[in-house]
Amino acid sequence: MAKTRALKRRIRSVENTRKITRTMELVATSKLKRAQDRVVAARPYARALAAAIADLLTPELVESYPLLRQPAPPAKGGPARAAVILITSNRGLAGAFNANLIRTARRRMVELEEAGYVVELHAVGKKGVRFFQFAKRELALARVDVGDRPTAQHALELVQPLMQEYGAGALALVDVVYATFKSALSTPPAVLRVLPVEAGPGDRGTGGPTGRPSSAGPAVPRSPRPANYLLKPGADEILGALLPLYVKNQVYRALVETAASEQGARRTAMKSATDNAGEMLDILTRTFNRARQAQITQEIAEIVGGAEAQKG
């Protein structure tokens, strides 16, 4: 009897857990759609910015803008400070989502420190903040108010001080560790180089899952294309206004992609938990039925035995 009561309690517990995980899966699915819409809406603007900068920028103008200058490494007298922005979520129950981001950030910081840089960590999200606080790592910035609906203002607040320090020559580089949203099932961590804005063969600002910083800059045409429009006030002044916008947009894209990736990872984790709870319920129900059947058989045998004893 005690065994069947314990099985009943466990079955009720698993049923309640399955209701919770199923509800969380549905909530994550609803939030994922809105977050995915923000990701899709942010990408055309980023492509348009990159195309405009690529049309205006020439090799002669690269050294004219602080955000485009490539500082020398610390061994050659360049600035020794580097900044890493780590974007995580405020909540858990998303599988290995936050753990993978934290692992990628730690690996990147080790690489920079081995190259001679003094790394400042800017953590966004409770999971990253609490991990590094527990690890006794000093944080240059700890933000837990961004949530799963980041805005362009959040991105500006994060990167504006870093752009000023970089323009003043106090920073060597700025990397962003975030989750790329490929699909609800694929959200690999990536490292995105936002400063300096790197002029290379095309805009590859979405990063890569290898953990290495990806090129964040627009392409510089090898030979300027003939322009069929007039520029006012001028290409140099327009570039001066577009480059900070481009850096801010890169950080904003990292925020919205991480937010969408969080919901995708949580949906996947909760679906897996719901399926596992269903399988466990099947096993527990079969075990309970066997135990109950054995108990009934034993009771019948005892009744029959008692009746036979009275007859004898």
C-alpha atoms as a PDB file:
ATOM      1  CA  MET A   1       0.000   0.000   0.000  1.00  0.00           C
ATOM      2  CA  ALA A   2       2.813   2.382   0.866  1.00  0.00           C
ATOM      3  CA  LYS A   3       4.428   1.826  -2.531  1.00  0.00           C
ATOM      4  CA  THR A   4       1.242   2.650  -4.447  1.00  0.00           C
ATOM      5  CA  ARG A   5       0.690   5.819  -2.390  1.00  0.00           C
ATOM      6  CA  ALA A   6       4.254   6.951  -3.164  1.00  0.00           C
ATOM      7  CA  LEU A   7       3.703   6.254  -6.850  1.00  0.00           C
ATOM      8  CA  LYS A   8       0.455   8.251  -6.819  1.00  0.00           C
ATOM      9  CA  ARG A   9       2.234  11.231  -5.237  1.00  0.00           C
ATOM     10  CA  ARG A  10       5.020  11.049  -7.795  1.00  0.00           C
ATOM     11  CA  ILE A  11       2.565  10.800 -10.682  1.00  0.00           C
ATOM     12  CA  ARG A  12       0.728  13.912  -9.451  1.00  0.00           C
ATOM     13  CA  SER A  13       4.046  15.733  -9.078  1.00  0.00           C
ATOM     14  CA  VAL A  14       5.154  14.864 -12.622  1.00  0.00           C
ATOM     15  CA  GLU A  15       1.745  15.866 -14.002  1.00  0.00           C
ATOM     16  CA  ASN A  16       1.991  19.272 -12.329  1.00  0.00           C
ATOM     17  CA  THR A  17       5.529  19.715 -13.636  1.00  0.00           C
ATOM     18  CA  ARG A  18       4.404  18.837 -17.149  1.00  0.00           C
ATOM     19  CA  LYS A  19       1.650  21.465 -16.966  1.00  0.00           C
ATOM     20  CA  ILE A  20       4.237  24.100 -15.991  1.00  0.00           C
ATOM     21  CA  THR A  21       6.737  23.173 -18.699  1.00  0.00           C
ATOM     22  CA  ARG A  22       3.982  23.015 -21.315  1.00  0.00           C
ATOM     23  CA  THR A  23       2.775  26.481 -20.320  1.00  0.00           C
ATOM     24  CA  MET A  24       6.321  27.846 -20.453  1.00  0.00           C
ATOM     25  CA  GLU A  25       6.778  26.291 -23.890  1.00  0.00           C
ATOM     26  CA  LEU A  26       3.654  28.073 -25.160  1.00  0.00           C
ATOM     27  CA  VAL A  27       4.740  31.397 -23.629  1.00  0.00           C
ATOM     28  CA  ALA A  28       8.221  31.076 -25.168  1.00  0.00           C
ATOM     29  CA  THR A  29       6.640  30.280 -28.542  1.00  0.00           C
ATOM     30  CA  SER A  30       4.536  33.434 -28.345  1.00  0.00           C
ATOM     31  CA  LYS A  31       7.514  35.600 -27.340  1.00  0.00           C
ATOM     32  CA  LEU A  32       9.711  33.974 -29.980  1.00  0.00           C
ATOM     33  CA  LYS A  33       7.476  35.194 -32.788  1.00  0.00           C
ATOM     34  CA  ARG A  34       7.701  38.819 -31.615  1.00  0.00           C
ATOM     35  CA  ALA A  35      11.456  38.566 -31.001  1.00  0.00           C
ATOM     36  CA  GLN A  36      11.993  37.004 -34.422  1.00  0.00           C
ATOM     37  CA  ASP A  37      10.061  39.868 -36.011  1.00  0.00           C
ATOM     38  CA  ARG A  38      12.441  42.349 -34.336  1.00  0.00           C
ATOM     39  CA  VAL A  39      15.446  40.447 -35.706  1.00  0.00           C
ATOM     40  CA  VAL A  40      14.041  40.423 -39.233  1.00  0.00           C
ATOM     41  CA  ALA A  41      13.178  44.130 -39.004  1.00  0.00           C
ATOM     42  CA  ALA A  42      16.706  45.057 -37.838  1.00  0.00           C
ATOM     43  CA  ARG A  43      18.559  43.331 -40.664  1.00  0.00           C
ATOM     44  CA  PRO A  44      17.514  45.513 -43.658  1.00  0.00           C
ATOM     45  CA  TYR A  45      18.560  48.678 -41.818  1.00  0.00           C
ATOM     46  CA  ALA A  46      21.958  47.154 -41.057  1.00  0.00           C
ATOM     47  CA  ARG A  47      22.421  46.167 -44.699  1.00  0.00           C
ATOM     48  CA  ALA A  48      21.404  49.639 -45.869  1.00  0.00           C
ATOM     49  CA  LEU A  49      23.864  51.284 -43.471  1.00  0.00           C
ATOM     50  CA  ALA A  50      26.676  48.992 -44.598  1.00  0.00           C
ATOM     51  CA  ALA A  51      25.882  49.655 -48.266  1.00  0.00           C
ATOM     52  CA  ALA A  52      25.814  53.430 -47.743  1.00  0.00           C
ATOM     53  CA  ILE A  53      29.144  53.407 -45.919  1.00  0.00           C
ATOM     54  CA  ALA A  54      30.700  51.152 -48.548  1.00  0.00           C
ATOM     55  CA  ASP A  55      29.576  53.520 -51.309  1.00  0.00           C
ATOM     56  CA  LEU A  56      31.057  56.550 -49.549  1.00  0.00           C
ATOM     57  CA  LEU A  57      34.235  55.122 -48.079  1.00  0.00           C
ATOM     58  CA  THR A  58      37.495  55.142 -50.007  1.00  0.00           C
ATOM     59  CA  PRO A  59      40.931  53.910 -48.903  1.00  0.00           C
ATOM     60  CA  GLU A  60      42.091  57.520 -48.597  1.00  0.00           C
ATOM     61  CA  LEU A  61      39.388  58.280 -46.013  1.00  0.00           C
ATOM     62  CA  VAL A  62      40.006  55.273 -43.741  1.00  0.00           C
ATOM     63  CA  GLU A  63      42.551  57.053 -41.545  1.00  0.00           C
ATOM     64  CA  SER A  64      40.362  60.145 -41.241  1.00  0.00           C
ATOM     65  CA  TYR A  65      37.887  58.612 -38.795  1.00  0.00           C
ATOM     66  CA  PRO A  66      38.748  57.416 -35.274  1.00  0.00           C
ATOM     67  CA  LEU A  67      36.280  54.516 -35.420  1.00  0.00           C
ATOM     68  CA  LEU A  68      38.054  53.102 -38.492  1.00  0.00           C
ATOM     69  CA  ARG A  69      41.629  53.370 -37.255  1.00  0.00           C
ATOM     70  CA  GLN A  70      43.399  50.145 -36.435  1.00  0.00           C
ATOM     71  CA  PRO A  71      45.443  50.744 -33.260  1.00  0.00           C
ATOM     72  CA  ALA A  72      48.808  49.109 -32.813  1.00  0.00           C
ATOM     73  CA  PRO A  73      49.015  46.074 -30.473  1.00  0.00           C
ATOM     74  CA  PRO A  74      50.197  46.649 -26.876  1.00  0.00           C
ATOM     75  CA  ALA A  75      53.641  45.226 -27.715  1.00  0.00           C
ATOM     76  CA  LYS A  76      54.146  48.080 -30.188  1.00  0.00           C
ATOM     77  CA  GLY A  77      52.934  50.862 -27.955  1.00  0.00           C
ATOM     78  CA  GLY A  78      49.238  50.700 -28.714  1.00  0.00           C
ATOM     79  CA  PRO A  79      46.472  50.938 -26.088  1.00  0.00           C
ATOM     80  CA  ALA A  80      46.413  47.950 -23.748  1.00  0.00           C
ATOM     81  CA  ARG A  81      42.729  48.097 -22.747  1.00  0.00           C
ATOM     82  CA  ALA A  82      40.116  45.965 -24.489  1.00  0.00           C
ATOM     83  CA  ALA A  83      36.410  45.653 -23.771  1.00  0.00           C
ATOM     84  CA  VAL A  84      34.188  42.581 -24.056  1.00  0.00           C
ATOM     85  CA  ILE A  85      30.402  42.995 -23.926  1.00  0.00           C
ATOM     86  CA  LEU A  86      28.701  39.762 -22.842  1.00  0.00           C
ATOM     87  CA  ILE A  87      24.957  39.504 -23.513  1.00  0.00           C
ATOM     88  CA  THR A  88      23.039  36.842 -21.585  1.00  0.00           C
ATOM     89  CA  SER A  89      19.453  36.451 -20.395  1.00  0.00           C
ATOM     90  CA  ASN A  90      17.864  37.461 -17.110  1.00  0.00           C
ATOM     91  CA  ARG A  91      16.175  34.093 -16.637  1.00  0.00           C
ATOM     92  CA  GLY A  92      17.174  30.469 -16.841  1.00  0.00           C
ATOM     93  CA  LEU A  93      15.314  27.313 -17.925  1.00  0.00           C
ATOM     94  CA  ALA A  94      16.825  27.671 -21.392  1.00  0.00           C
ATOM     95  CA  GLY A  95      19.118  24.661 -21.463  1.00  0.00           C
ATOM     96  CA  ALA A  96      22.792  25.411 -22.057  1.00  0.00           C
ATOM     97  CA  PHE A  97      22.042  28.798 -23.646  1.00  0.00           C
ATOM     98  CA  ASN A  98      23.680  31.018 -21.012  1.00  0.00           C
ATOM     99  CA  ALA A  99      26.434  28.524 -20.206  1.00  0.00           C
ATOM    100  CA  ASN A 100      27.571  28.508 -23.848  1.00  0.00           C
ATOM    101  CA  LEU A 101      27.656  32.321 -23.968  1.00  0.00           C
ATOM    102  CA  ILE A 102      29.639  32.539 -20.727  1.00  0.00           C
ATOM    103  CA  ARG A 103      32.082  29.883 -21.934  1.00  0.00           C
ATOM    104  CA  THR A 104      32.632  31.766 -25.196  1.00  0.00           C
ATOM    105  CA  ALA A 105      33.207  35.036 -23.325  1.00  0.00           C
ATOM    106  CA  ARG A 106      35.734  33.446 -20.972  1.00  0.00           C
ATOM    107  CA  ARG A 107      37.592  31.909 -23.905  1.00  0.00           C
ATOM    108  CA  ARG A 108      37.696  35.261 -25.702  1.00  0.00           C
ATOM    109  CA  MET A 109      38.951  37.082 -22.612  1.00  0.00           C
ATOM    110  CA  VAL A 110      41.736  34.541 -22.170  1.00  0.00           C
ATOM    111  CA  GLU A 111      42.772  35.018 -25.806  1.00  0.00           C
ATOM    112  CA  LEU A 112      42.917  38.800 -25.384  1.00  0.00           C
ATOM    113  CA  GLU A 113      44.825  38.582 -22.110  1.00  0.00           C
ATOM    114  CA  GLU A 114      47.356  36.240 -23.700  1.00  0.00           C
ATOM    115  CA  ALA A 115      47.789  38.843 -26.464  1.00  0.00           C
ATOM    116  CA  GLY A 116      48.742  41.434 -23.817  1.00  0.00           C
ATOM    117  CA  TYR A 117      45.437  43.274 -23.319  1.00  0.00           C
ATOM    118  CA  VAL A 118      43.814  44.263 -20.042  1.00  0.00           C
ATOM    119  CA  VAL A 119      40.223  43.109 -20.548  1.00  0.00           C
ATOM    120  CA  GLU A 120      37.220  44.981 -19.173  1.00  0.00           C
ATOM    121  CA  LEU A 121      34.021  42.951 -19.011  1.00  0.00           C
ATOM    122  CA  HIS A 122      30.644  44.607 -19.623  1.00  0.00           C
ATOM    123  CA  ALA A 123      27.937  42.126 -18.640  1.00  0.00           C
ATOM    124  CA  VAL A 124      24.332  42.462 -19.795  1.00  0.00           C
ATOM    125  CA  GLY A 125      21.831  40.053 -18.218  1.00  0.00           C
ATOM    126  CA  LYS A 126      21.501  38.562 -14.749  1.00  0.00           C
ATOM    127  CA  LYS A 127      22.975  35.195 -15.648  1.00  0.00           C
ATOM    128  CA  GLY A 128      26.273  36.622 -16.869  1.00  0.00           C
ATOM    129  CA  VAL A 129      26.442  39.218 -14.085  1.00  0.00           C
ATOM    130  CA  ARG A 130      25.845  36.673 -11.314  1.00  0.00           C
ATOM    131  CA  PHE A 131      28.289  34.156 -12.756  1.00  0.00           C
ATOM    132  CA  PHE A 132      31.199  36.580 -12.896  1.00  0.00           C
ATOM    133  CA  GLN A 133      30.311  38.129  -9.548  1.00  0.00           C
ATOM    134  CA  PHE A 134      30.409  34.638  -8.044  1.00  0.00           C
ATOM    135  CA  ALA A 135      33.738  34.046  -9.822  1.00  0.00           C
ATOM    136  CA  LYS A 136      35.071  37.281  -8.209  1.00  0.00           C
ATOM    137  CA  ARG A 137      35.612  38.895 -11.614  1.00  0.00           C
ATOM    138  CA  GLU A 138      35.461  42.668 -11.584  1.00  0.00           C
ATOM    139  CA  LEU A 139      32.829  44.056 -13.947  1.00  0.00           C
ATOM    140  CA  ALA A 140      33.196  47.380 -15.705  1.00  0.00           C
ATOM    141  CA  LEU A 141      29.421  47.404 -16.276  1.00  0.00           C
ATOM    142  CA  ALA A 142      26.539  45.271 -15.004  1.00  0.00           C
ATOM    143  CA  ARG A 143      23.159  45.779 -16.694  1.00  0.00           C
ATOM    144  CA  VAL A 144      20.128  43.682 -15.761  1.00  0.00           C
ATOM    145  CA  ASP A 145      17.410  46.067 -16.985  1.00  0.00           C
ATOM    146  CA  VAL A 146      17.516  45.319 -20.715  1.00  0.00           C
ATOM    147  CA  GLY A 147      15.269  42.250 -20.607  1.00  0.00           C
ATOM    148  CA  ASP A 148      13.880  40.435 -23.632  1.00  0.00           C
ATOM    149  CA  ARG A 149      12.743  43.610 -25.427  1.00  0.00           C
ATOM    150  CA  PRO A 150      15.930  45.563 -26.133  1.00  0.00           C
ATOM    151  CA  THR A 151      15.717  48.963 -27.789  1.00  0.00           C
ATOM    152  CA  ALA A 152      18.086  51.138 -29.791  1.00  0.00           C
ATOM    153  CA  GLN A 153      18.447  53.322 -26.687  1.00  0.00           C
ATOM    154  CA  HIS A 154      19.803  50.354 -24.737  1.00  0.00           C
ATOM    155  CA  ALA A 155      22.382  49.762 -27.462  1.00  0.00           C
ATOM    156  CA  LEU A 156      23.382  53.428 -27.450  1.00  0.00           C
ATOM    157  CA  GLU A 157      23.821  53.446 -23.671  1.00  0.00           C
ATOM    158  CA  LEU A 158      26.065  50.394 -23.901  1.00  0.00           C
ATOM    159  CA  VAL A 159      28.322  51.465 -26.744  1.00  0.00           C
ATOM    160  CA  GLN A 160      28.389  55.282 -26.580  1.00  0.00           C
ATOM    161  CA  PRO A 161      30.964  55.475 -23.721  1.00  0.00           C
ATOM    162  CA  LEU A 162      33.094  52.853 -25.458  1.00  0.00           C
ATOM    163  CA  MET A 163      33.033  54.783 -28.744  1.00  0.00           C
ATOM    164  CA  GLN A 164      34.184  57.913 -26.911  1.00  0.00           C
ATOM    165  CA  GLU A 165      37.035  56.049 -25.232  1.00  0.00           C
ATOM    166  CA  TYR A 166      38.017  54.394 -28.490  1.00  0.00           C
ATOM    167  CA  GLY A 167      37.980  57.719 -30.314  1.00  0.00           C
ATOM    168  CA  ALA A 168      40.216  59.153 -27.603  1.00  0.00           C
ATOM    169  CA  GLY A 169      42.723  56.329 -28.071  1.00  0.00           C
ATOM    170  CA  ALA A 170      42.114  54.751 -24.656  1.00  0.00           C
ATOM    171  CA  LEU A 171      40.654  51.471 -26.001  1.00  0.00           C
ATOM    172  CA  ALA A 172      42.183  49.012 -28.451  1.00  0.00           C
ATOM    173  CA  LEU A 173      39.060  47.067 -29.414  1.00  0.00           C
ATOM    174  CA  VAL A 174      35.509  46.161 -28.428  1.00  0.00           C
ATOM    175  CA  ASP A 175      34.065  42.672 -28.915  1.00  0.00           C
ATOM    176  CA  VAL A 176      30.478  41.569 -28.324  1.00  0.00           C
ATOM    177  CA  VAL A 177      29.659  38.010 -27.271  1.00  0.00           C
ATOM    178  CA  TYR A 178      26.079  37.186 -28.229  1.00  0.00           C
ATOM    179  CA  ALA A 179      23.873  34.416 -29.607  1.00  0.00           C
ATOM    180  CA  THR A 180      23.198  34.332 -33.327  1.00  0.00           C
ATOM    181  CA  PHE A 181      19.605  33.509 -34.204  1.00  0.00           C
ATOM    182  CA  LYS A 182      19.635  31.069 -37.111  1.00  0.00           C
ATOM    183  CA  SER A 183      16.467  29.228 -36.132  1.00  0.00           C
ATOM    184  CA  ALA A 184      14.595  28.233 -32.982  1.00  0.00           C
ATOM    185  CA  LEU A 185      16.793  25.131 -32.835  1.00  0.00           C
ATOM    186  CA  SER A 186      20.116  26.749 -33.763  1.00  0.00           C
ATOM    187  CA  THR A 187      21.392  29.639 -31.605  1.00  0.00           C
ATOM    188  CA  PRO A 188      25.195  29.306 -31.500  1.00  0.00           C
ATOM    189  CA  PRO A 189      27.286  31.847 -29.575  1.00  0.00           C
ATOM    190  CA  ALA A 190      29.485  34.190 -31.571  1.00  0.00           C
ATOM    191  CA  VAL A 191      32.010  36.982 -31.092  1.00  0.00           C
ATOM    192  CA  LEU A 192      31.412  40.198 -33.035  1.00  0.00           C
ATOM    193  CA  ARG A 193      34.100  42.885 -33.444  1.00  0.00           C
ATOM    194  CA  VAL A 194      32.327  46.263 -33.314  1.00  0.00           C
ATOM    195  CA  LEU A 195      35.344  48.519 -32.765  1.00  0.00           C
ATOM    196  CA  PRO A 196      37.323  49.260 -34.777  1.00  0.00           C
ATOM    197  CA  VAL A 197      34.869  49.199 -37.663  1.00  0.00           C
ATOM    198  CA  GLU A 198      36.734  46.888 -39.987  1.00  0.00           C
ATOM    199  CA  ALA A 199      36.754  47.617 -43.705  1.00  0.00           C
ATOM    200  CA  GLY A 200      36.758  44.282 -45.462  1.00  0.00           C
ATOM    201  CA  PRO A 201      35.155  42.229 -48.221  1.00  0.00           C
ATOM    202  CA  GLY A 202      31.522  42.713 -47.380  1.00  0.00           C
ATOM    203  CA  ASP A 203      29.332  43.008 -44.343  1.00  0.00           C
ATOM    204  CA  ARG A 204      29.682  39.896 -42.241  1.00  0.00           C
ATOM    205  CA  GLY A 205      28.254  41.368 -39.089  1.00  0.00           C
ATOM    206  CA  THR A 206      26.278  38.317 -38.014  1.00  0.00           C
ATOM    207  CA  GLY A 207      29.361  36.661 -36.589  1.00  0.00           C
ATOM    208  CA  GLY A 208      30.149  32.973 -36.552  1.00  0.00           C
ATOM    209  CA  PRO A 209      29.842  30.055 -34.160  1.00  0.00           C
ATOM    210  CA  THR A 210      33.565  29.464 -33.955  1.00  0.00           C
ATOM    211  CA  GLY A 211      34.113  31.967 -31.173  1.00  0.00           C
ATOM    212  CA  ARG A 212      36.445  34.098 -33.271  1.00  0.00           C
ATOM    213  CA  PRO A 213      35.580  37.742 -33.845  1.00  0.00           C
ATOM    214  CA  SER A 214      33.912  38.333 -37.158  1.00  0.00           C
ATOM    215  CA  SER A 215      34.428  41.303 -39.415  1.00  0.00           C
ATOM    216  CA  ALA A 216      31.924  43.975 -38.495  1.00  0.00           C
ATOM    217  CA  GLY A 217      32.739  46.519 -41.145  1.00  0.00           C
ATOM    218  CA  PRO A 218      31.370  47.464 -44.516  1.00  0.00           C
ATOM    219  CA  ALA A 219      33.235  46.813 -47.719  1.00  0.00           C
ATOM    220  CA  VAL A 220      35.564  49.375 -49.212  1.00  0.00           C
ATOM    221  CA  PRO A 221      35.231  49.381 -53.022  1.00  0.00           C
ATOM    222  CA  ARG A 222      38.525  48.650 -54.737  1.00  0.00           C
ATOM    223  CA  SER A 223      37.741  51.283 -57.321  1.00  0.00           C
ATOM    224  CA  PRO A 224      35.177  53.985 -56.549  1.00  0.00           C
ATOM    225  CA  ARG A 225      32.032  53.577 -58.589  1.00  0.00           C
ATOM    226  CA  PRO A 226      30.839  56.591 -60.559  1.00  0.00           C
ATOM    227  CA  ALA A 227      28.242  58.384 -58.445  1.00  0.00           C
ATOM    228  CA  ASN A 228      24.977  59.428 -60.031  1.00  0.00           C
ATOM    229  CA  TYR A 229      23.935  61.650 -57.132  1.00  0.00           C
ATOM    230  CA  LEU A 230      25.132  64.745 -55.323  1.00  0.00           C
ATOM    231  CA  LEU A 231      26.230  64.571 -51.698  1.00  0.00           C
ATOM    232  CA  LYS A 232      25.445  67.355 -49.268  1.00  0.00           C
ATOM    233  CA  PRO A 233      27.119  68.338 -47.013  1.00  0.00           C
ATOM    234  CA  GLY A 234      29.760  65.887 -48.277  1.00  0.00           C
ATOM    235  CA  ALA A 235      30.934  62.279 -48.139  1.00  0.00           C
ATOM    236  CA  ASP A 236      33.276  62.891 -45.192  1.00  0.00           C
ATOM    237  CA  GLU A 237      30.591  64.539 -43.044  1.00  0.00           C
ATOM    238  CA  ILE A 238      28.008  61.906 -43.947  1.00  0.00           C
ATOM    239  CA  LEU A 239      30.466  59.156 -43.020  1.00  0.00           C
ATOM    240  CA  GLY A 240      31.153  60.866 -39.706  1.00  0.00           C
ATOM    241  CA  ALA A 241      27.448  60.601 -38.895  1.00  0.00           C
ATOM    242  CA  LEU A 242      26.907  57.093 -40.283  1.00  0.00           C
ATOM    243  CA  LEU A 243      29.785  55.302 -38.544  1.00  0.00           C
ATOM    244  CA  PRO A 244      28.447  55.782 -34.958  1.00  0.00           C
ATOM    245  CA  LEU A 245      25.008  54.717 -36.199  1.00  0.00           C
ATOM    246  CA  TYR A 246      26.528  51.599 -37.699  1.00  0.00           C
ATOM    247  CA  VAL A 247      28.315  50.654 -34.460  1.00  0.00           C
ATOM    248  CA  LYS A 248      25.149  51.255 -32.433  1.00  0.00           C
ATOM    249  CA  ASN A 249      23.148  49.148 -34.880  1.00  0.00           C
ATOM    250  CA  GLN A 250      25.616  46.282 -34.591  1.00  0.00           C
ATOM    251  CA  VAL A 251      25.149  46.233 -30.805  1.00  0.00           C
ATOM    252  CA  TYR A 252      21.372  46.523 -31.211  1.00  0.00           C
ATOM    253  CA  ARG A 253      21.366  43.563 -33.584  1.00  0.00           C
ATOM    254  CA  ALA A 254      23.369  41.543 -31.062  1.00  0.00           C
ATOM    255  CA  LEU A 255      20.798  42.405 -28.373  1.00  0.00           C
ATOM    256  CA  VAL A 256      17.740  41.467 -30.432  1.00  0.00           C
ATOM    257  CA  GLU A 257      19.328  38.290 -31.794  1.00  0.00           C
ATOM    258  CA  THR A 258      20.250  37.177 -28.278  1.00  0.00           C
ATOM    259  CA  ALA A 259      16.708  37.928 -27.083  1.00  0.00           C
ATOM    260  CA  ALA A 260      15.232  35.840 -29.901  1.00  0.00           C
ATOM    261  CA  SER A 261      17.774  33.087 -29.321  1.00  0.00           C
ATOM    262  CA  GLU A 262      16.846  32.985 -25.638  1.00  0.00           C
ATOM    263  CA  GLN A 263      13.184  32.347 -26.441  1.00  0.00           C
ATOM    264  CA  GLY A 264      14.113  29.721 -29.016  1.00  0.00           C
ATOM    265  CA  ALA A 265      16.391  27.938 -26.543  1.00  0.00           C
ATOM    266  CA  ARG A 266      13.740  28.107 -23.802  1.00  0.00           C
ATOM    267  CA  ARG A 267      11.077  26.763 -26.138  1.00  0.00           C
ATOM    268  CA  THR A 268      13.315  23.852 -27.098  1.00  0.00           C
ATOM    269  CA  ALA A 269      14.249  23.126 -23.479  1.00  0.00           C
ATOM    270  CA  MET A 270      10.664  23.255 -22.257  1.00  0.00           C
ATOM    271  CA  LYS A 271       9.434  21.050 -25.104  1.00  0.00           C
ATOM    272  CA  SER A 272      12.093  18.506 -24.233  1.00  0.00           C
ATOM    273  CA  ALA A 273      11.100  18.690 -20.557  1.00  0.00           C
ATOM    274  CA  THR A 274       7.417  18.241 -21.439  1.00  0.00           C
ATOM    275  CA  ASP A 275       8.178  15.223 -23.624  1.00  0.00           C
ATOM    276  CA  ASN A 276      10.380  13.706 -20.919  1.00  0.00           C
ATOM    277  CA  ALA A 277       7.633  14.244 -18.334  1.00  0.00           C
ATOM    278  CA  GLY A 278       5.170  12.439 -20.610  1.00  0.00           C
ATOM    279  CA  GLU A 279       7.533   9.478 -20.969  1.00  0.00           C
ATOM    280  CA  MET A 280       8.078   9.396 -17.212  1.00  0.00           C
ATOM    281  CA  LEU A 281       4.314   9.430 -16.627  1.00  0.00           C
ATOM    282  CA  ASP A 282       3.906   6.419 -18.909  1.00  0.00           C
ATOM    283  CA  ILE A 283       6.574   4.508 -16.978  1.00  0.00           C
ATOM    284  CA  LEU A 284       5.143   5.505 -13.582  1.00  0.00           C
ATOM    285  CA  THR A 285       1.604   4.628 -14.647  1.00  0.00           C
ATOM    286  CA  ARG A 286       2.681   1.156 -15.797  1.00  0.00           C
ATOM    287  CA  THR A 287       4.626   0.646 -12.575  1.00  0.00           C
ATOM    288  CA  PHE A 288       1.620   1.768 -10.526  1.00  0.00           C
ATOM    289  CA  ASN A 289      -0.707  -0.580 -12.424  1.00  0.00           C
ATOM    290  CA  ARG A 290       1.639  -3.531 -11.869  1.00  0.00           C
ATOM    291  CA  ALA A 291       1.972  -2.727  -8.179  1.00  0.00           C
ATOM    292  CA  ARG A 292      -1.783  -2.332  -7.812  1.00  0.00           C
ATOM    293  CA  GLN A 293      -2.411  -5.583  -9.676  1.00  0.00           C
ATOM    294  CA  ALA A 294       0.083  -7.407  -7.469  1.00  0.00           C
ATOM    295  CA  GLN A 295      -1.564  -5.930  -4.390  1.00  0.00           C
ATOM    296  CA  ILE A 296      -5.050  -7.017  -5.527  1.00  0.00           C
ATOM    297  CA  THR A 297      -3.771 -10.516  -6.372  1.00  0.00           C
ATOM    298  CA  GLN A 298      -2.189 -10.779  -2.931  1.00  0.00           C
ATOM    299  CA  GLU A 299      -5.410  -9.669  -1.229  1.00  0.00           C
ATOM    300  CA  ILE A 300      -7.476 -12.193  -3.203  1.00  0.00           C
ATOM    301  CA  ALA A 301      -5.012 -14.945  -2.313  1.00  0.00           C
ATOM    302  CA  GLU A 302      -5.226 -13.993   1.375  1.00  0.00           C
ATOM    303  CA  ILE A 303      -9.056 -14.026   1.262  1.00  0.00           C
ATOM    304  CA  VAL A 304      -9.130 -17.407  -0.466  1.00  0.00           C
ATOM    305  CA  GLY A 305      -6.591 -18.797   1.974  1.00  0.00           C
ATOM    306  CA  GLY A 306      -8.599 -17.561   4.944  1.00  0.00           C
ATOM    307  CA  ALA A 307     -11.787 -19.064   3.589  1.00  0.00           C
ATOM    308  CA  GLU A 308     -10.093 -22.392   3.006  1.00  0.00           C
ATOM    309  CA  ALA A 309      -8.677 -22.293   6.524  1.00  0.00           C
ATOM    310  CA  GLN A 310     -12.146 -21.770   8.020  1.00  0.00           C
ATOM    311  CA  LYS A 311     -13.500 -24.709   6.025  1.00  0.00           C
ATOM    312  CA  GLY A 312     -10.789 -26.938   7.299  1.00  0.00           C
END
